[in-house]
Amino acid sequence: MDKVSFVTLWVEPTERQILKYEFQNIDADFLPARWMLRLDELHASMRMGNPFPGVWLPASLGIRVDMTVAVGRLSAIFDTTYRDYRLAETDSRVIIEQAIGILAERFDLPTPDAFEVLRSAARNSRREVKAVAEEVRASRETPHLSRPRLGAREWPWLPAPGRPSGPVGGVALGERGALGA
């Protein structure tokens, strides 16, 4: 099949960034079953956007295909727009990991159990884990966290509801922070 394909690139010269790619009349001789299908026309276009300073990401994508197959002619169109890009919040993980370390040290816990305490407190107070983690990090006293459960396992080092705090690892909870219901 002899076809001429057109590729057009729009470039923003000051930033040397491609703003739009456009492909027209692309040949499909690379398809393994080309004896069953003939691409009459294939047009693809991608427009780039600048949602953040110095960052170029796809803003829209469009594909139009006309092909002939054994049963007749088929046309397909696909269009999508990318929007609502958000910057990744990279500091959340650091804050949460620090709070887990603080809880693990204060109560002599393995880190998975300390995370479970943090996660359970966030769920029971209907707040994000990051907000509870910031509270743990900001205070030398441990904020009042609810009593978590891991399956059927009780956490004997946490005071039961209505029971005063007891010693944990030889140090009273009141000296290092209080966990309670």
Protein backbone atom coordinates (compact mmCIF):
# COMPACT_ATOMS: atom_id res chain seq x y z
CA MET A 1 0.00 0.00 0.00
CA ASP A 2 1.44 3.35 -0.97
CA LYS A 3 0.38 6.12 1.37
CA VAL A 4 1.78 9.45 2.31
CA SER A 5 1.63 10.19 6.02
CA PHE A 6 1.72 13.69 7.44
CA VAL A 7 3.19 14.46 10.82
CA THR A 8 2.81 18.01 12.09
CA LEU A 9 4.40 19.39 15.25
CA TRP A 10 3.57 22.77 16.77
CA VAL A 11 6.48 24.04 18.84
CA GLU A 12 6.62 26.86 21.38
CA PRO A 13 9.96 28.44 20.50
CA THR A 14 10.94 30.17 23.75
CA GLU A 15 10.54 27.03 25.85
CA ARG A 16 11.36 24.65 23.00
CA GLN A 17 8.31 22.59 23.86
CA ILE A 18 6.06 20.69 21.46
CA LEU A 19 2.54 22.04 21.92
CA LYS A 20 0.67 19.73 19.58
CA TYR A 21 1.35 16.51 17.68
CA GLU A 22 -0.79 15.63 14.70
CA PHE A 23 -0.59 12.48 12.59
CA GLN A 24 -2.68 12.11 9.44
CA ASN A 25 -3.08 9.24 7.01
CA ILE A 26 -0.90 6.84 8.97
CA ASP A 27 -0.17 3.55 7.27
CA ALA A 28 -0.82 0.33 9.17
CA ASP A 29 1.36 -2.10 7.27
CA PHE A 30 2.84 -3.15 10.60
CA LEU A 31 -0.42 -4.81 11.72
CA PRO A 32 -0.18 -8.63 11.80
CA ALA A 33 -3.65 -9.19 10.29
CA ARG A 34 -3.52 -6.51 7.61
CA TRP A 35 -5.01 -8.96 5.06
CA MET A 36 -8.27 -8.80 7.12
CA LEU A 37 -8.38 -5.07 7.57
CA ARG A 38 -7.50 -2.00 5.58
CA LEU A 39 -7.04 1.35 7.27
CA ASP A 40 -8.56 3.95 5.02
CA GLU A 41 -7.72 6.85 7.31
CA LEU A 42 -6.11 7.27 10.70
CA HIS A 43 -5.83 10.69 12.25
CA ALA A 44 -4.38 11.23 15.75
CA SER A 45 -3.78 14.46 17.59
CA MET A 46 -2.42 15.32 21.03
CA ARG A 47 -2.35 18.83 22.45
CA MET A 48 0.00 19.62 25.34
CA GLY A 49 -0.82 21.96 28.22
CA ASN A 50 1.18 23.74 30.90
CA PRO A 51 -0.73 23.08 34.16
CA PHE A 52 2.29 23.97 36.35
CA PRO A 53 5.26 26.21 35.65
CA GLY A 54 7.87 24.27 33.69
CA VAL A 55 5.70 21.13 33.39
CA TRP A 56 4.06 20.15 30.10
CA LEU A 57 1.42 17.40 30.19
CA PRO A 58 -1.23 16.17 27.73
CA ALA A 59 -4.29 18.44 27.60
CA SER A 60 -6.31 16.51 25.01
CA LEU A 61 -6.08 13.46 22.79
CA GLY A 62 -8.15 12.67 19.73
CA ILE A 63 -8.13 9.68 17.40
CA ARG A 64 -10.28 9.09 14.32
CA VAL A 65 -10.12 5.81 12.37
CA ASP A 66 -11.87 4.74 9.18
CA MET A 67 -11.25 1.14 8.15
CA THR A 68 -12.61 -1.52 5.88
CA VAL A 69 -13.05 -5.04 7.21
CA ALA A 70 -14.63 -8.18 5.74
CA VAL A 71 -18.13 -7.20 6.89
CA GLY A 72 -17.99 -3.58 5.72
CA ARG A 73 -16.74 -0.15 6.62
CA LEU A 74 -16.13 0.88 10.23
CA SER A 75 -15.46 4.31 11.73
CA ALA A 76 -14.36 5.05 15.28
CA ILE A 77 -13.69 8.29 17.12
CA PHE A 78 -12.02 8.70 20.51
CA ASP A 79 -11.63 12.08 22.20
CA THR A 80 -10.55 12.82 25.74
CA THR A 81 -9.53 15.89 27.67
CA TYR A 82 -7.13 15.83 30.58
CA ARG A 83 -7.80 18.41 33.27
CA ASP A 84 -7.65 18.87 37.01
CA TYR A 85 -3.99 18.04 37.24
CA ARG A 86 -2.79 18.35 40.83
CA LEU A 87 0.67 18.52 42.27
CA ALA A 88 1.57 15.41 44.22
CA GLU A 89 1.63 15.93 47.95
CA THR A 90 5.01 14.46 48.73
CA ASP A 91 5.28 15.62 52.32
CA SER A 92 2.34 13.50 53.59
CA ARG A 93 4.31 10.29 53.60
CA VAL A 94 7.18 11.87 55.52
CA ILE A 95 4.81 13.28 58.15
CA ILE A 96 3.03 9.94 58.56
CA GLU A 97 6.29 7.97 58.77
CA GLN A 98 7.60 10.34 61.43
CA ALA A 99 4.41 9.98 63.48
CA ILE A 100 4.63 6.19 63.19
CA GLY A 101 8.20 6.35 64.46
CA ILE A 102 7.16 8.57 67.38
CA LEU A 103 4.33 6.21 68.38
CA ALA A 104 6.58 3.16 67.97
CA GLU A 105 9.21 4.76 70.23
CA ARG A 106 6.75 6.07 72.83
CA PHE A 107 4.96 2.79 73.25
CA ASP A 108 7.66 0.29 72.26
CA LEU A 109 5.63 -0.98 69.28
CA PRO A 110 6.60 -2.55 66.00
CA THR A 111 5.98 -0.08 63.16
CA PRO A 112 2.99 -1.97 61.66
CA ASP A 113 1.23 -1.77 65.04
CA ALA A 114 2.11 1.92 65.40
CA PHE A 115 0.63 2.57 61.96
CA GLU A 116 -2.51 0.68 62.98
CA VAL A 117 -2.84 2.93 66.06
CA LEU A 118 -2.51 6.00 63.83
CA ARG A 119 -4.92 4.70 61.19
CA SER A 120 -7.50 3.65 63.77
CA ALA A 121 -7.33 7.07 65.45
CA ALA A 122 -7.90 8.76 62.08
CA ARG A 123 -10.87 6.54 61.29
CA ASN A 124 -12.49 6.96 64.70
CA SER A 125 -12.09 10.73 64.64
CA ARG A 126 -13.17 10.91 60.97
CA ARG A 127 -10.01 12.75 59.98
CA GLU A 128 -7.24 12.07 57.53
CA VAL A 129 -4.25 10.06 58.72
CA LYS A 130 -2.05 13.04 57.87
CA ALA A 131 -3.99 15.32 60.25
CA VAL A 132 -3.64 12.88 63.16
CA ALA A 133 0.04 12.37 62.28
CA GLU A 134 0.63 16.13 62.37
CA GLU A 135 -1.01 16.24 65.81
CA VAL A 136 1.25 13.43 67.07
CA ARG A 137 4.34 15.19 65.67
CA ALA A 138 3.43 18.62 67.02
CA SER A 139 3.04 17.62 70.65
CA ARG A 140 5.37 16.05 73.18
CA GLU A 141 2.22 14.52 74.67
CA THR A 142 0.45 11.86 72.65
CA PRO A 143 -3.02 13.07 71.69
CA HIS A 144 -5.92 10.97 72.88
CA LEU A 145 -6.16 8.18 70.35
CA SER A 146 -8.92 5.61 70.29
CA ARG A 147 -8.33 1.98 71.19
CA PRO A 148 -7.51 0.06 67.97
CA ARG A 149 -8.08 -3.62 67.28
CA LEU A 150 -6.21 -5.93 64.96
CA GLY A 151 -8.57 -8.78 64.36
CA ALA A 152 -9.35 -10.39 67.72
CA ARG A 153 -6.08 -9.25 69.32
CA GLU A 154 -6.36 -6.84 72.24
CA TRP A 155 -3.68 -4.29 72.86
CA PRO A 156 -2.87 -4.70 76.58
CA TRP A 157 -0.62 -1.64 76.68
CA LEU A 158 -3.54 0.64 75.79
CA PRO A 159 -5.90 1.58 78.62
CA ALA A 160 -9.37 0.12 78.24
CA PRO A 161 -12.29 2.56 78.10
CA GLY A 162 -13.02 3.84 81.59
CA ARG A 163 -9.76 2.47 83.04
CA PRO A 164 -6.89 4.78 84.02
CA SER A 165 -3.62 4.64 82.11
CA GLY A 166 -1.16 2.07 83.35
CA PRO A 167 2.58 1.54 82.89
CA VAL A 168 3.98 0.60 79.51
CA GLY A 169 7.48 -0.83 79.41
CA GLY A 170 8.14 0.36 82.98
CA VAL A 171 7.16 3.97 82.18
CA ALA A 172 3.74 5.33 83.05
CA LEU A 173 1.78 6.54 80.04
CA GLY A 174 1.27 9.91 81.67
CA GLU A 175 5.01 10.54 81.55
CA ARG A 176 5.37 9.90 77.80
CA GLY A 177 1.88 10.69 76.57
CA ALA A 178 -1.55 9.21 77.09
CA LEU A 179 -3.42 6.85 74.84
CA GLY A 180 -6.97 6.22 75.91
CA ALA A 181 -10.56 6.17 74.86
